[in-house]
C-alpha atoms as a PDB file:
ATOM      1  CA  UNK A   1     -15.616  18.573  38.215  1.00  0.00           C
ATOM      2  CA  UNK A   2     -16.629  20.833  35.322  1.00  0.00           C
ATOM      3  CA  UNK A   3     -19.060  19.655  32.686  1.00  0.00           C
ATOM      4  CA  UNK A   4     -19.676  20.940  29.188  1.00  0.00           C
ATOM      5  CA  UNK A   5     -23.218  22.103  28.493  1.00  0.00           C
ATOM      6  CA  UNK A   6     -24.769  20.597  25.355  1.00  0.00           C
ATOM      7  CA  UNK A   7     -25.166  24.091  23.913  1.00  0.00           C
ATOM      8  CA  UNK A   8     -21.506  24.808  24.571  1.00  0.00           C
ATOM      9  CA  UNK A   9     -20.560  21.534  22.894  1.00  0.00           C
ATOM     10  CA  UNK A  10     -22.671  22.454  19.863  1.00  0.00           C
ATOM     11  CA  UNK A  11     -21.004  25.864  19.682  1.00  0.00           C
ATOM     12  CA  UNK A  12     -17.563  24.248  19.908  1.00  0.00           C
ATOM     13  CA  UNK A  13     -18.382  21.839  17.103  1.00  0.00           C
ATOM     14  CA  UNK A  14     -19.819  24.684  15.016  1.00  0.00           C
ATOM     15  CA  UNK A  15     -16.484  26.519  15.252  1.00  0.00           C
ATOM     16  CA  UNK A  16     -14.662  23.579  13.649  1.00  0.00           C
ATOM     17  CA  UNK A  17     -14.175  24.213   9.959  1.00  0.00           C
ATOM     18  CA  UNK A  18     -15.282  21.403   7.623  1.00  0.00           C
ATOM     19  CA  UNK A  19     -11.790  21.267   6.126  1.00  0.00           C
ATOM     20  CA  UNK A  20     -10.261  20.771   9.584  1.00  0.00           C
ATOM     21  CA  UNK A  21     -12.811  18.057  10.403  1.00  0.00           C
ATOM     22  CA  UNK A  22     -12.081  16.181   7.175  1.00  0.00           C
ATOM     23  CA  UNK A  23      -8.344  16.525   7.788  1.00  0.00           C
ATOM     24  CA  UNK A  24      -8.696  15.154  11.307  1.00  0.00           C
ATOM     25  CA  UNK A  25     -10.665  12.148  10.076  1.00  0.00           C
ATOM     26  CA  UNK A  26      -8.259  11.399   7.234  1.00  0.00           C
ATOM     27  CA  UNK A  27      -5.284  11.555   9.603  1.00  0.00           C
ATOM     28  CA  UNK A  28      -6.143   8.008  10.693  1.00  0.00           C
ATOM     29  CA  UNK A  29      -5.157   5.094   8.423  1.00  0.00           C
ATOM     30  CA  UNK A  30      -8.116   3.168   9.833  1.00  0.00           C
ATOM     31  CA  UNK A  31     -10.500   5.750   8.355  1.00  0.00           C
ATOM     32  CA  UNK A  32      -8.702   5.499   5.004  1.00  0.00           C
ATOM     33  CA  UNK A  33      -9.117   1.721   5.019  1.00  0.00           C
ATOM     34  CA  UNK A  34     -12.808   1.995   5.936  1.00  0.00           C
ATOM     35  CA  UNK A  35     -13.468   4.493   3.128  1.00  0.00           C
ATOM     36  CA  UNK A  36     -11.656   2.244   0.653  1.00  0.00           C
ATOM     37  CA  UNK A  37     -13.723  -0.798   1.650  1.00  0.00           C
ATOM     38  CA  UNK A  38     -16.972   1.162   1.285  1.00  0.00           C
ATOM     39  CA  UNK A  39     -15.876   2.446  -2.127  1.00  0.00           C
ATOM     40  CA  UNK A  40     -14.930  -1.076  -3.262  1.00  0.00           C
ATOM     41  CA  UNK A  41     -18.323  -2.448  -2.232  1.00  0.00           C
ATOM     42  CA  UNK A  42     -20.117   0.392  -4.037  1.00  0.00           C
ATOM     43  CA  UNK A  43     -18.071  -0.222  -7.197  1.00  0.00           C
ATOM     44  CA  UNK A  44     -18.816  -3.958  -6.991  1.00  0.00           C
ATOM     45  CA  UNK A  45     -22.543  -3.318  -6.624  1.00  0.00           C
ATOM     46  CA  UNK A  46     -22.577  -0.912  -9.572  1.00  0.00           C
ATOM     47  CA  UNK A  47     -20.631  -3.261 -11.843  1.00  0.00           C
ATOM     48  CA  UNK A  48     -22.697  -6.293 -10.821  1.00  0.00           C
ATOM     49  CA  UNK A  49     -25.832  -4.640 -12.213  1.00  0.00           C
ATOM     50  CA  UNK A  50     -24.262  -4.775 -15.660  1.00  0.00           C
ATOM     51  CA  UNK A  51     -24.253  -8.577 -15.513  1.00  0.00           C
ATOM     52  CA  UNK A  52     -23.019 -11.569 -13.548  1.00  0.00           C
ATOM     53  CA  UNK A  53     -19.519 -12.983 -13.498  1.00  0.00           C
ATOM     54  CA  UNK A  54     -18.867 -16.278 -15.222  1.00  0.00           C
ATOM     55  CA  UNK A  55     -15.480 -17.933 -14.877  1.00  0.00           C
ATOM     56  CA  UNK A  56     -13.974 -20.084 -17.577  1.00  0.00           C
ATOM     57  CA  UNK A  57     -11.570 -22.780 -16.380  1.00  0.00           C
ATOM     58  CA  UNK A  58      -9.764 -22.794 -13.062  1.00  0.00           C
ATOM     59  CA  UNK A  59     -10.182 -19.775 -10.818  1.00  0.00           C
ATOM     60  CA  UNK A  60      -7.563 -20.579  -8.215  1.00  0.00           C
ATOM     61  CA  UNK A  61      -4.964 -17.961  -9.154  1.00  0.00           C
ATOM     62  CA  UNK A  62      -7.303 -14.962  -8.899  1.00  0.00           C
ATOM     63  CA  UNK A  63      -8.761 -16.204  -5.630  1.00  0.00           C
ATOM     64  CA  UNK A  64      -5.230 -16.740  -4.312  1.00  0.00           C
ATOM     65  CA  UNK A  65      -4.223 -13.174  -5.218  1.00  0.00           C
ATOM     66  CA  UNK A  66      -7.385 -11.923  -3.508  1.00  0.00           C
ATOM     67  CA  UNK A  67      -6.346 -13.867  -0.409  1.00  0.00           C
ATOM     68  CA  UNK A  68      -2.895 -12.281  -0.540  1.00  0.00           C
ATOM     69  CA  UNK A  69      -4.464  -8.813  -0.880  1.00  0.00           C
ATOM     70  CA  UNK A  70      -6.679  -9.488   2.132  1.00  0.00           C
ATOM     71  CA  UNK A  71      -3.665 -10.680   4.114  1.00  0.00           C
ATOM     72  CA  UNK A  72      -1.699  -7.544   3.215  1.00  0.00           C
ATOM     73  CA  UNK A  73      -4.542  -5.305   4.373  1.00  0.00           C
ATOM     74  CA  UNK A  74      -5.163  -7.230   7.596  1.00  0.00           C
ATOM     75  CA  UNK A  75      -1.483  -7.399   8.573  1.00  0.00           C
ATOM     76  CA  UNK A  76      -0.987  -3.702   7.825  1.00  0.00           C
ATOM     77  CA  UNK A  77      -4.110  -2.657   9.763  1.00  0.00           C
ATOM     78  CA  UNK A  78      -3.175  -4.932  12.661  1.00  0.00           C
ATOM     79  CA  UNK A  79       0.220  -3.255  12.876  1.00  0.00           C
ATOM     80  CA  UNK A  80      -1.395   0.212  12.793  1.00  0.00           C
ATOM     81  CA  UNK A  81      -3.913  -0.658  15.512  1.00  0.00           C
ATOM     82  CA  UNK A  82      -1.374  -2.345  17.795  1.00  0.00           C
ATOM     83  CA  UNK A  83       1.123   0.514  17.493  1.00  0.00           C
ATOM     84  CA  UNK A  84      -1.364   3.348  17.693  1.00  0.00           C
ATOM     85  CA  UNK A  85      -4.169   2.134  19.939  1.00  0.00           C
ATOM     86  CA  UNK A  86      -3.133  -0.907  21.984  1.00  0.00           C
ATOM     87  CA  UNK A  87       0.521  -0.476  22.961  1.00  0.00           C
ATOM     88  CA  UNK A  88       2.346   2.725  23.859  1.00  0.00           C
ATOM     89  CA  UNK A  89       5.171   2.714  21.340  1.00  0.00           C
ATOM     90  CA  UNK A  90       5.741   6.469  21.202  1.00  0.00           C
ATOM     91  CA  UNK A  91       9.326   6.024  22.451  1.00  0.00           C
ATOM     92  CA  UNK A  92      10.026   3.039  20.183  1.00  0.00           C
ATOM     93  CA  UNK A  93      11.456   3.276  16.677  1.00  0.00           C
ATOM     94  CA  UNK A  94       9.060   1.018  14.780  1.00  0.00           C
ATOM     95  CA  UNK A  95      11.434   0.552  11.841  1.00  0.00           C
ATOM     96  CA  UNK A  96       9.163  -2.025  10.187  1.00  0.00           C
ATOM     97  CA  UNK A  97       6.053   0.164   9.879  1.00  0.00           C
ATOM     98  CA  UNK A  98       6.479   1.200   6.234  1.00  0.00           C
ATOM     99  CA  UNK A  99       7.835  -2.182   5.114  1.00  0.00           C
ATOM    100  CA  UNK A 100       4.887  -4.242   6.415  1.00  0.00           C
ATOM    101  CA  UNK A 101       2.626  -3.973   3.354  1.00  0.00           C
ATOM    102  CA  UNK A 102       5.325  -4.434   0.647  1.00  0.00           C
ATOM    103  CA  UNK A 103       6.969  -7.321   2.513  1.00  0.00           C
ATOM    104  CA  UNK A 104       3.673  -9.166   3.016  1.00  0.00           C
ATOM    105  CA  UNK A 105       2.787  -8.654  -0.648  1.00  0.00           C
ATOM    106  CA  UNK A 106       6.250  -9.898  -1.722  1.00  0.00           C
ATOM    107  CA  UNK A 107       5.903 -13.088   0.319  1.00  0.00           C
ATOM    108  CA  UNK A 108       2.422 -13.703  -1.082  1.00  0.00           C
ATOM    109  CA  UNK A 109       3.482 -13.200  -4.701  1.00  0.00           C
ATOM    110  CA  UNK A 110       6.547 -15.422  -4.258  1.00  0.00           C
ATOM    111  CA  UNK A 111       4.392 -18.218  -2.841  1.00  0.00           C
ATOM    112  CA  UNK A 112       1.912 -17.747  -5.692  1.00  0.00           C
ATOM    113  CA  UNK A 113       4.719 -18.060  -8.257  1.00  0.00           C
ATOM    114  CA  UNK A 114       5.938 -21.260  -6.626  1.00  0.00           C
ATOM    115  CA  UNK A 115       2.399 -22.676  -6.577  1.00  0.00           C
ATOM    116  CA  UNK A 116       1.751 -22.068 -10.278  1.00  0.00           C
ATOM    117  CA  UNK A 117       1.856 -25.644 -11.467  1.00  0.00           C
ATOM    118  CA  UNK A 118      -0.154 -27.688 -13.965  1.00  0.00           C
ATOM    119  CA  UNK A 119      -0.806 -31.246 -12.841  1.00  0.00           C
ATOM    120  CA  UNK A 120      -3.187 -32.295 -15.630  1.00  0.00           C
ATOM    121  CA  UNK A 121      -1.951 -33.263 -19.121  1.00  0.00           C
ATOM    122  CA  UNK A 122      -0.088 -30.290 -20.497  1.00  0.00           C
ATOM    123  CA  UNK A 123      -0.359 -28.768 -23.947  1.00  0.00           C
ATOM    124  CA  UNK A 124       2.714 -29.199 -26.070  1.00  0.00           C
ATOM    125  CA  UNK A 125       4.402 -25.841 -26.571  1.00  0.00           C
ATOM    126  CA  UNK A 126       6.533 -24.708 -29.459  1.00  0.00           C
ATOM    127  CA  UNK A 127      10.078 -23.978 -28.232  1.00  0.00           C
ATOM    128  CA  UNK A 128      10.362 -20.699 -30.095  1.00  0.00           C
ATOM    129  CA  UNK A 129       7.070 -19.475 -28.592  1.00  0.00           C
ATOM    130  CA  UNK A 130       8.241 -20.381 -25.095  1.00  0.00           C
ATOM    131  CA  UNK A 131      11.471 -18.436 -25.559  1.00  0.00           C
ATOM    132  CA  UNK A 132       9.650 -15.324 -26.741  1.00  0.00           C
ATOM    133  CA  UNK A 133       7.463 -15.198 -23.646  1.00  0.00           C
ATOM    134  CA  UNK A 134       8.841 -13.001 -20.867  1.00  0.00           C
ATOM    135  CA  UNK A 135       7.505 -11.393 -17.702  1.00  0.00           C
ATOM    136  CA  UNK A 136       6.148  -8.522 -19.826  1.00  0.00           C
ATOM    137  CA  UNK A 137       4.305 -10.735 -22.322  1.00  0.00           C
ATOM    138  CA  UNK A 138       0.953 -10.704 -20.510  1.00  0.00           C
ATOM    139  CA  UNK A 139       1.521  -8.034 -17.866  1.00  0.00           C
ATOM    140  CA  UNK A 140      -0.262  -4.676 -18.264  1.00  0.00           C
ATOM    141  CA  UNK A 141       2.444  -2.310 -19.540  1.00  0.00           C
ATOM    142  CA  UNK A 142       0.921   0.785 -17.926  1.00  0.00           C
ATOM    143  CA  UNK A 143       0.441  -1.021 -14.647  1.00  0.00           C
ATOM    144  CA  UNK A 144       4.036  -2.239 -14.588  1.00  0.00           C
ATOM    145  CA  UNK A 145       5.263   1.265 -15.441  1.00  0.00           C
ATOM    146  CA  UNK A 146       3.071   2.773 -12.693  1.00  0.00           C
ATOM    147  CA  UNK A 147       4.451   0.324 -10.135  1.00  0.00           C
ATOM    148  CA  UNK A 148       8.018   1.104 -11.251  1.00  0.00           C
ATOM    149  CA  UNK A 149       7.382   4.846 -10.840  1.00  0.00           C
ATOM    150  CA  UNK A 150       5.798   4.374  -7.398  1.00  0.00           C
ATOM    151  CA  UNK A 151       8.687   2.195  -6.250  1.00  0.00           C
ATOM    152  CA  UNK A 152      11.263   4.680  -7.572  1.00  0.00           C
ATOM    153  CA  UNK A 153       9.501   7.607  -5.857  1.00  0.00           C
ATOM    154  CA  UNK A 154       9.299   5.719  -2.552  1.00  0.00           C
ATOM    155  CA  UNK A 155      12.993   4.772  -2.717  1.00  0.00           C
ATOM    156  CA  UNK A 156      14.027   8.314  -3.701  1.00  0.00           C
ATOM    157  CA  UNK A 157      12.049   9.855  -0.839  1.00  0.00           C
ATOM    158  CA  UNK A 158      13.564   7.357   1.584  1.00  0.00           C
ATOM    159  CA  UNK A 159      17.033   8.459   0.451  1.00  0.00           C
ATOM    160  CA  UNK A 160      16.168  12.174   0.716  1.00  0.00           C
ATOM    161  CA  UNK A 161      14.576  11.826   4.135  1.00  0.00           C
ATOM    162  CA  UNK A 162      17.493   9.689   5.284  1.00  0.00           C
ATOM    163  CA  UNK A 163      19.907  12.473   4.352  1.00  0.00           C
ATOM    164  CA  UNK A 164      17.818  14.968   6.338  1.00  0.00           C
ATOM    165  CA  UNK A 165      17.600  12.798   9.463  1.00  0.00           C
ATOM    166  CA  UNK A 166      19.917  12.596  12.466  1.00  0.00           C
ATOM    167  CA  UNK A 167      20.714   9.798  14.918  1.00  0.00           C
ATOM    168  CA  UNK A 168      20.514  10.883  18.562  1.00  0.00           C
ATOM    169  CA  UNK A 169      21.014   7.485  20.136  1.00  0.00           C
ATOM    170  CA  UNK A 170      22.743   4.235  19.145  1.00  0.00           C
ATOM    171  CA  UNK A 171      21.258   2.956  15.926  1.00  0.00           C
ATOM    172  CA  UNK A 172      20.106   4.418  12.636  1.00  0.00           C
ATOM    173  CA  UNK A 173      18.634   7.893  12.298  1.00  0.00           C
ATOM    174  CA  UNK A 174      14.923   8.134  13.078  1.00  0.00           C
ATOM    175  CA  UNK A 175      14.586  11.829  13.986  1.00  0.00           C
ATOM    176  CA  UNK A 176      15.179  15.285  12.572  1.00  0.00           C
ATOM    177  CA  UNK A 177      16.791  18.214  14.406  1.00  0.00           C
ATOM    178  CA  UNK A 178      15.164  21.629  13.955  1.00  0.00           C
ATOM    179  CA  UNK A 179      17.625  24.372  14.856  1.00  0.00           C
ATOM    180  CA  UNK A 180      16.339  27.405  16.763  1.00  0.00           C
ATOM    181  CA  UNK A 181      17.865  30.477  15.103  1.00  0.00           C
ATOM    182  CA  UNK A 182      19.564  33.222  17.153  1.00  0.00           C
ATOM    183  CA  UNK A 183      19.369  31.258  20.414  1.00  0.00           C
ATOM    184  CA  UNK A 184      21.555  28.991  22.487  1.00  0.00           C
ATOM    185  CA  UNK A 185      18.703  26.533  22.960  1.00  0.00           C
ATOM    186  CA  UNK A 186      19.125  22.891  21.971  1.00  0.00           C
ATOM    187  CA  UNK A 187      17.519  21.899  18.674  1.00  0.00           C
ATOM    188  CA  UNK A 188      13.987  20.544  18.623  1.00  0.00           C
ATOM    189  CA  UNK A 189      14.027  16.788  18.011  1.00  0.00           C
ATOM    190  CA  UNK A 190      11.026  15.255  16.219  1.00  0.00           C
ATOM    191  CA  UNK A 191      10.312  11.785  14.785  1.00  0.00           C
ATOM    192  CA  UNK A 192      11.126  11.605  11.085  1.00  0.00           C
ATOM    193  CA  UNK A 193      11.287   8.843   8.430  1.00  0.00           C
ATOM    194  CA  UNK A 194      15.075   8.633   8.419  1.00  0.00           C
ATOM    195  CA  UNK A 195      17.402   5.744   7.658  1.00  0.00           C
ATOM    196  CA  UNK A 196      15.838   3.572  10.365  1.00  0.00           C
ATOM    197  CA  UNK A 197      12.612   3.557   8.352  1.00  0.00           C
ATOM    198  CA  UNK A 198      14.005   4.129   4.868  1.00  0.00           C
ATOM    199  CA  UNK A 199      16.379   1.169   4.632  1.00  0.00           C
ATOM    200  CA  UNK A 200      13.704  -1.458   5.502  1.00  0.00           C
ATOM    201  CA  UNK A 201      11.317   0.280   3.085  1.00  0.00           C
ATOM    202  CA  UNK A 202      13.813   0.191   0.207  1.00  0.00           C
ATOM    203  CA  UNK A 203      14.607  -3.467   0.874  1.00  0.00           C
ATOM    204  CA  UNK A 204      10.912  -4.343   0.954  1.00  0.00           C
ATOM    205  CA  UNK A 205      10.287  -2.507  -2.338  1.00  0.00           C
ATOM    206  CA  UNK A 206      13.181  -4.395  -3.955  1.00  0.00           C
ATOM    207  CA  UNK A 207      11.821  -7.704  -2.616  1.00  0.00           C
ATOM    208  CA  UNK A 208       8.332  -6.845  -3.887  1.00  0.00           C
ATOM    209  CA  UNK A 209       9.674  -5.987  -7.354  1.00  0.00           C
ATOM    210  CA  UNK A 210      11.614  -9.266  -7.493  1.00  0.00           C
ATOM    211  CA  UNK A 211       8.570 -11.280  -6.363  1.00  0.00           C
ATOM    212  CA  UNK A 212       6.367  -9.531  -8.929  1.00  0.00           C
ATOM    213  CA  UNK A 213       8.883 -10.229 -11.702  1.00  0.00           C
ATOM    214  CA  UNK A 214       9.026 -13.892 -10.657  1.00  0.00           C
ATOM    215  CA  UNK A 215       5.232 -14.206 -10.598  1.00  0.00           C
ATOM    216  CA  UNK A 216       4.845 -12.518 -13.995  1.00  0.00           C
ATOM    217  CA  UNK A 217       7.564 -14.689 -15.533  1.00  0.00           C
ATOM    218  CA  UNK A 218       6.138 -17.906 -14.089  1.00  0.00           C
ATOM    219  CA  UNK A 219       2.660 -16.928 -15.236  1.00  0.00           C
ATOM    220  CA  UNK A 220       3.934 -16.290 -18.778  1.00  0.00           C
ATOM    221  CA  UNK A 221       5.943 -19.479 -19.326  1.00  0.00           C
ATOM    222  CA  UNK A 222       3.988 -22.096 -17.385  1.00  0.00           C
ATOM    223  CA  UNK A 223       2.207 -24.684 -19.553  1.00  0.00           C
ATOM    224  CA  UNK A 224      -1.574 -25.001 -19.548  1.00  0.00           C
ATOM    225  CA  UNK A 225      -3.705 -28.164 -19.695  1.00  0.00           C
ATOM    226  CA  UNK A 226      -4.714 -29.531 -23.093  1.00  0.00           C
ATOM    227  CA  UNK A 227      -8.415 -28.894 -22.501  1.00  0.00           C
ATOM    228  CA  UNK A 228      -7.986 -25.107 -22.142  1.00  0.00           C
ATOM    229  CA  UNK A 229      -8.431 -23.200 -25.441  1.00  0.00           C
ATOM    230  CA  UNK A 230      -5.737 -20.716 -26.425  1.00  0.00           C
ATOM    231  CA  UNK A 231      -8.005 -17.664 -26.107  1.00  0.00           C
ATOM    232  CA  UNK A 232      -9.025 -18.698 -22.579  1.00  0.00           C
ATOM    233  CA  UNK A 233      -5.395 -19.345 -21.731  1.00  0.00           C
ATOM    234  CA  UNK A 234      -4.400 -15.824 -22.802  1.00  0.00           C
ATOM    235  CA  UNK A 235      -7.264 -14.317 -20.827  1.00  0.00           C
ATOM    236  CA  UNK A 236      -6.272 -16.214 -17.696  1.00  0.00           C
ATOM    237  CA  UNK A 237      -2.621 -15.251 -18.026  1.00  0.00           C
ATOM    238  CA  UNK A 238      -3.541 -11.591 -18.550  1.00  0.00           C
ATOM    239  CA  UNK A 239      -5.950 -11.518 -15.581  1.00  0.00           C
ATOM    240  CA  UNK A 240      -3.402 -13.070 -13.224  1.00  0.00           C
ATOM    241  CA  UNK A 241      -0.711 -10.631 -14.372  1.00  0.00           C
ATOM    242  CA  UNK A 242      -3.067  -7.676 -13.961  1.00  0.00           C
ATOM    243  CA  UNK A 243      -4.106  -8.662 -10.446  1.00  0.00           C
ATOM    244  CA  UNK A 244      -0.476  -9.250  -9.400  1.00  0.00           C
ATOM    245  CA  UNK A 245       0.538  -5.776 -10.585  1.00  0.00           C
ATOM    246  CA  UNK A 246      -2.455  -4.194  -8.849  1.00  0.00           C
ATOM    247  CA  UNK A 247      -1.473  -5.955  -5.623  1.00  0.00           C
ATOM    248  CA  UNK A 248       2.106  -4.659  -5.828  1.00  0.00           C
ATOM    249  CA  UNK A 249       0.957  -1.115  -6.636  1.00  0.00           C
ATOM    250  CA  UNK A 250      -1.524  -1.077  -3.744  1.00  0.00           C
ATOM    251  CA  UNK A 251       1.077  -2.202  -1.200  1.00  0.00           C
ATOM    252  CA  UNK A 252       3.550   0.407  -2.481  1.00  0.00           C
ATOM    253  CA  UNK A 253       0.955   3.191  -2.254  1.00  0.00           C
ATOM    254  CA  UNK A 254       0.249   2.305   1.377  1.00  0.00           C
ATOM    255  CA  UNK A 255       3.961   2.373   2.254  1.00  0.00           C
ATOM    256  CA  UNK A 256       4.536   5.666   0.429  1.00  0.00           C
ATOM    257  CA  UNK A 257       1.551   7.304   2.150  1.00  0.00           C
ATOM    258  CA  UNK A 258       2.763   6.236   5.583  1.00  0.00           C
ATOM    259  CA  UNK A 259       6.197   7.735   4.998  1.00  0.00           C
ATOM    260  CA  UNK A 260       4.688  11.024   3.829  1.00  0.00           C
ATOM    261  CA  UNK A 261       2.432  11.122   6.899  1.00  0.00           C
ATOM    262  CA  UNK A 262       5.357  10.806   9.309  1.00  0.00           C
ATOM    263  CA  UNK A 263       7.377  13.428   7.428  1.00  0.00           C
ATOM    264  CA  UNK A 264       4.431  15.851   7.551  1.00  0.00           C
ATOM    265  CA  UNK A 265       4.181  15.487  11.332  1.00  0.00           C
ATOM    266  CA  UNK A 266       7.686  16.971  11.682  1.00  0.00           C
ATOM    267  CA  UNK A 267       6.761  20.220   9.917  1.00  0.00           C
ATOM    268  CA  UNK A 268       6.260  22.994  12.455  1.00  0.00           C
ATOM    269  CA  UNK A 269       6.471  26.772  12.108  1.00  0.00           C
ATOM    270  CA  UNK A 270       7.111  27.960  15.651  1.00  0.00           C
ATOM    271  CA  UNK A 271       8.210  26.691  19.057  1.00  0.00           C
ATOM    272  CA  UNK A 272       7.430  28.301  22.405  1.00  0.00           C
ATOM    273  CA  UNK A 273      10.347  28.395  24.854  1.00  0.00           C
ATOM    274  CA  UNK A 274       9.489  27.763  28.496  1.00  0.00           C
ATOM    275  CA  UNK A 275      11.611  29.623  31.069  1.00  0.00           C
ATOM    276  CA  UNK A 276      11.731  29.659  34.862  1.00  0.00           C
ATOM    277  CA  UNK A 277       9.616  32.798  34.905  1.00  0.00           C
ATOM    278  CA  UNK A 278       6.956  31.356  32.641  1.00  0.00           C
ATOM    279  CA  UNK A 279       6.249  31.225  28.936  1.00  0.00           C
ATOM    280  CA  UNK A 280       8.968  32.675  26.751  1.00  0.00           C
ATOM    281  CA  UNK A 281       8.841  33.974  23.198  1.00  0.00           C
ATOM    282  CA  UNK A 282       7.715  31.916  20.251  1.00  0.00           C
ATOM    283  CA  UNK A 283      10.608  31.151  17.895  1.00  0.00           C
ATOM    284  CA  UNK A 284      10.234  30.239  14.248  1.00  0.00           C
ATOM    285  CA  UNK A 285      11.780  26.983  13.030  1.00  0.00           C
ATOM    286  CA  UNK A 286      12.250  25.784   9.504  1.00  0.00           C
ATOM    287  CA  UNK A 287      12.403  22.229   8.197  1.00  0.00           C
ATOM    288  CA  UNK A 288      14.182  21.913   4.833  1.00  0.00           C
ATOM    289  CA  UNK A 289      11.742  21.398   1.947  1.00  0.00           C
ATOM    290  CA  UNK A 290       8.868  22.092   4.354  1.00  0.00           C
ATOM    291  CA  UNK A 291       6.491  23.271   1.619  1.00  0.00           C
ATOM    292  CA  UNK A 292       6.967  20.120  -0.435  1.00  0.00           C
ATOM    293  CA  UNK A 293       6.618  17.930   2.655  1.00  0.00           C
ATOM    294  CA  UNK A 294       3.341  19.666   3.540  1.00  0.00           C
ATOM    295  CA  UNK A 295       2.038  18.973   0.032  1.00  0.00           C
ATOM    296  CA  UNK A 296       3.090  15.345   0.454  1.00  0.00           C
ATOM    297  CA  UNK A 297       1.227  15.186   3.759  1.00  0.00           C
ATOM    298  CA  UNK A 298      -1.921  16.486   2.061  1.00  0.00           C
ATOM    299  CA  UNK A 299      -1.615  13.916  -0.731  1.00  0.00           C
ATOM    300  CA  UNK A 300      -0.814  11.050   1.695  1.00  0.00           C
ATOM    301  CA  UNK A 301      -4.445  10.220   2.642  1.00  0.00           C
ATOM    302  CA  UNK A 302      -5.383  10.113  -1.053  1.00  0.00           C
ATOM    303  CA  UNK A 303      -2.530   7.704  -1.772  1.00  0.00           C
ATOM    304  CA  UNK A 304      -3.467   5.603   1.247  1.00  0.00           C
ATOM    305  CA  UNK A 305      -7.105   5.391   0.242  1.00  0.00           C
ATOM    306  CA  UNK A 306      -6.030   4.530  -3.304  1.00  0.00           C
ATOM    307  CA  UNK A 307      -3.766   1.718  -2.101  1.00  0.00           C
ATOM    308  CA  UNK A 308      -6.422   0.301   0.206  1.00  0.00           C
ATOM    309  CA  UNK A 309      -8.994   0.592  -2.590  1.00  0.00           C
ATOM    310  CA  UNK A 310      -6.827  -1.470  -4.943  1.00  0.00           C
ATOM    311  CA  UNK A 311      -6.477  -4.198  -2.321  1.00  0.00           C
ATOM    312  CA  UNK A 312     -10.197  -4.082  -1.490  1.00  0.00           C
ATOM    313  CA  UNK A 313     -11.136  -4.356  -5.173  1.00  0.00           C
ATOM    314  CA  UNK A 314      -8.945  -7.441  -5.483  1.00  0.00           C
ATOM    315  CA  UNK A 315     -10.636  -9.002  -2.453  1.00  0.00           C
ATOM    316  CA  UNK A 316     -14.137  -8.194  -3.699  1.00  0.00           C
ATOM    317  CA  UNK A 317     -13.242  -9.449  -7.173  1.00  0.00           C
ATOM    318  CA  UNK A 318     -11.848 -12.662  -5.730  1.00  0.00           C
ATOM    319  CA  UNK A 319     -15.047 -13.247  -3.765  1.00  0.00           C
ATOM    320  CA  UNK A 320     -17.137 -12.706  -6.898  1.00  0.00           C
ATOM    321  CA  UNK A 321     -14.932 -15.082  -8.891  1.00  0.00           C
ATOM    322  CA  UNK A 322     -15.086 -17.740  -6.171  1.00  0.00           C
ATOM    323  CA  UNK A 323     -18.887 -17.593  -5.989  1.00  0.00           C
ATOM    324  CA  UNK A 324     -19.538 -17.180  -9.722  1.00  0.00           C
ATOM    325  CA  UNK A 325     -20.938 -20.096 -11.770  1.00  0.00           C
ATOM    326  CA  UNK A 326     -18.263 -21.991 -13.641  1.00  0.00           C
ATOM    327  CA  UNK A 327     -18.572 -21.794 -17.417  1.00  0.00           C
ATOM    328  CA  UNK A 328     -17.130 -24.777 -19.225  1.00  0.00           C
ATOM    329  CA  UNK A 329     -15.138 -24.207 -22.356  1.00  0.00           C
ATOM    330  CA  UNK A 330     -15.998 -25.684 -25.751  1.00  0.00           C
ATOM    331  CA  UNK A 331     -12.995 -28.007 -25.635  1.00  0.00           C
ATOM    332  CA  UNK A 332     -13.972 -29.243 -22.192  1.00  0.00           C
ATOM    333  CA  UNK A 333     -17.526 -29.969 -23.343  1.00  0.00           C
ATOM    334  CA  UNK A 334     -16.265 -31.880 -26.388  1.00  0.00           C
ATOM    335  CA  UNK A 335     -13.855 -33.857 -24.204  1.00  0.00           C
ATOM    336  CA  UNK A 336     -16.669 -34.673 -21.763  1.00  0.00           C
ATOM    337  CA  UNK A 337     -18.920 -35.797 -24.611  1.00  0.00           C
END
């Protein structure tokens, strides 16, 4: 049994370029999630030095959204770990892999919208004011637009990749065939985010958009208790809408990054043909839109870290809100007196 001398190991590590080492580390979604959590904690520490967090009124909605964000991250990471490190699923078409985060977020937002109820005495609301309020009344316009763009890009890429894919066994397409030019050899078959992955992803994005719209609408039109001042009410509505949009955007970023990762793995420049006499010539192969797919693969870790960071910031913010001292409003103090 051969062993590697420590000096030889050091020389081998020295030959690895820093860019290659960073690329190897960022190829794992687990590393992306860990970096996002560290960044969220650092941001929370920096912002906490500017002053403490005081919460006016009920804090349940923001804590609930933080719980949904944590659930999305845990479910997504659990799926990644089980597929990549626990079970050998290399021969299985895991059609659900890109739909996990958006679907979990959609379920959480739908449950949050259903749970938005006011049991205490409610403030009387002018009918005209209630009619004017829509799902965009308190939602961050730029955030909603960003989520719409991310969802449209993810759906468009799913359609493009689906058109490039091929089905080689019963079921939807989950591979791509790379033809070998000027040879009679069979095409090279590689995993690819085809229709088997794209259709569940599109459905999950649609479900997430519908759940977000429902949550924003319910948050805008629901009545508030009489003891909550109007300025506090607007702040609470705006904060809930902002956190809901951030949650949807983070889940979409994670799904989009995963699809780009799988597409990048199918990009290859040459294939070596093995013959009975030994190693044959190396043949060049071309994947359509290979340059753009490579760029997408480079951007994928950044998108993944960004999505995980949004979820981690929601979780950290929810923890700070839950542990912050409650600040009573003026109306509440007058009522108590």
